[in-house]
Amino acid sequence: MVTPSGDPLCDFCGDEDVRWVYPAHSIELADGFLGSSGAWAACETCHLLVESGAWTELAERSYRHNPIRPVLDKIGGRAEAIRMIRTLHQAFSLARIGPAHKMPGKG
């Protein structure tokens, strides 16, 4: 995800303060509706959740903070949205092709 100005957003929760990048293969799920194109950006909080394997907490955070939450809710409500997010996160964990690295200029 990116801001209107082209700056990256956290691919997990939509936070603008991206600190990490996870190299990954592209993912396509649900006939192109869910997926990703290559690397995933992560804010500090989501990075810590990924690194600790806290997938349930990451899915909850992703749901609560995601800018497309109203769309997710229309698809099937909170439970279905969380299920979809967890499916996508599981695909991400399989698509990762290396450790996370810090975004340039982010200390």
Protein backbone atom coordinates (compact mmCIF):
# COMPACT_ATOMS: atom_id res chain seq x y z
CA MET A 1 0.00 0.00 0.00
CA VAL A 2 1.11 3.55 -0.62
CA THR A 3 -0.05 7.04 0.31
CA PRO A 4 -1.41 9.37 -2.39
CA SER A 5 2.09 10.90 -2.52
CA GLY A 6 3.62 7.47 -3.20
CA ASP A 7 5.11 6.87 0.25
CA PRO A 8 4.79 3.30 1.52
CA LEU A 9 2.24 2.26 4.12
CA CYS A 10 2.53 -0.76 6.38
CA ASP A 11 1.15 -3.68 4.40
CA PHE A 12 -0.19 -5.18 7.62
CA CYS A 13 -2.02 -2.26 9.24
CA GLY A 14 -1.74 0.79 6.99
CA ASP A 15 0.52 2.82 9.33
CA GLU A 16 2.48 5.57 7.56
CA ASP A 17 5.63 5.08 9.67
CA VAL A 18 7.14 2.19 7.70
CA ARG A 19 10.40 1.00 9.25
CA TRP A 20 10.96 -2.48 7.77
CA VAL A 21 10.77 -4.32 4.47
CA TYR A 22 10.27 -8.07 4.15
CA PRO A 23 11.46 -9.50 0.83
CA ALA A 24 8.81 -11.87 -0.50
CA HIS A 25 7.46 -13.50 -3.62
CA SER A 26 4.20 -12.13 -4.98
CA ILE A 27 1.02 -13.70 -3.61
CA GLU A 28 -2.34 -14.07 -5.27
CA LEU A 29 -5.32 -15.41 -3.38
CA ALA A 30 -9.06 -15.31 -4.08
CA ASP A 31 -8.85 -14.60 -7.82
CA GLY A 32 -6.74 -11.48 -7.41
CA PHE A 33 -8.85 -9.90 -4.67
CA LEU A 34 -6.33 -10.68 -1.95
CA GLY A 35 -2.61 -10.74 -2.49
CA SER A 36 0.57 -8.78 -2.69
CA SER A 37 3.18 -7.83 -5.22
CA GLY A 38 6.60 -8.71 -3.86
CA ALA A 39 8.06 -7.21 -0.69
CA TRP A 40 5.95 -6.24 2.32
CA ALA A 41 6.43 -2.99 4.24
CA ALA A 42 5.96 -3.02 8.01
CA CYS A 43 5.71 -0.48 10.81
CA GLU A 44 7.66 -1.17 14.00
CA THR A 45 4.68 -2.70 15.83
CA CYS A 46 3.75 -5.09 13.02
CA HIS A 47 7.41 -6.01 12.53
CA LEU A 48 7.66 -7.01 16.20
CA LEU A 49 4.48 -9.07 15.91
CA VAL A 50 5.78 -10.87 12.81
CA GLU A 51 9.16 -11.52 14.40
CA SER A 52 7.57 -12.94 17.56
CA GLY A 53 5.12 -15.10 15.61
CA ALA A 54 2.14 -13.34 17.20
CA TRP A 55 -0.11 -14.02 14.22
CA THR A 56 -3.41 -13.70 16.11
CA GLU A 57 -2.43 -10.30 17.51
CA LEU A 58 -1.15 -9.22 14.09
CA ALA A 59 -4.46 -10.17 12.45
CA GLU A 60 -6.40 -8.23 15.10
CA ARG A 61 -4.15 -5.17 14.62
CA SER A 62 -4.42 -5.45 10.85
CA TYR A 63 -8.20 -5.55 11.11
CA ARG A 64 -8.49 -2.67 13.59
CA HIS A 65 -6.15 -0.29 11.73
CA ASN A 66 -6.66 -1.26 8.12
CA PRO A 67 -7.88 1.59 5.91
CA ILE A 68 -10.07 -0.82 3.91
CA ARG A 69 -11.83 -2.10 7.04
CA PRO A 70 -15.26 -0.91 5.81
CA VAL A 71 -14.77 -3.02 2.66
CA LEU A 72 -13.69 -6.02 4.74
CA ASP A 73 -16.75 -5.63 6.96
CA LYS A 74 -19.08 -5.61 3.94
CA ILE A 75 -17.61 -8.86 2.65
CA GLY A 76 -18.70 -10.89 5.63
CA GLY A 77 -18.25 -9.07 8.89
CA ARG A 78 -15.45 -9.05 11.42
CA ALA A 79 -14.99 -12.82 11.75
CA GLU A 80 -14.70 -13.32 7.99
CA ALA A 81 -12.36 -10.32 7.68
CA ILE A 82 -10.07 -11.75 10.38
CA ARG A 83 -10.13 -15.14 8.63
CA MET A 84 -9.15 -13.51 5.34
CA ILE A 85 -6.37 -11.51 7.00
CA ARG A 86 -5.00 -14.64 8.69
CA THR A 87 -5.05 -16.47 5.35
CA LEU A 88 -3.11 -13.66 3.75
CA HIS A 89 -0.61 -13.54 6.62
CA GLN A 90 -0.10 -17.29 6.35
CA ALA A 91 0.60 -16.89 2.63
CA PHE A 92 3.03 -14.06 3.46
CA SER A 93 4.91 -16.28 5.91
CA LEU A 94 5.36 -18.87 3.14
CA ALA A 95 6.29 -16.25 0.51
CA ARG A 96 9.04 -14.58 2.58
CA ILE A 97 12.43 -15.00 0.96
CA GLY A 98 14.68 -13.52 3.60
CA PRO A 99 14.87 -11.56 6.81
CA ALA A 100 13.42 -8.09 7.22
CA HIS A 101 15.70 -5.14 6.64
CA LYS A 102 15.43 -1.55 7.82
CA MET A 103 14.04 1.05 5.45
CA PRO A 104 16.76 3.43 4.29
CA GLY A 105 16.87 6.53 6.47
CA LYS A 106 14.82 4.95 9.28
CA GLY A 107 17.67 4.41 11.71
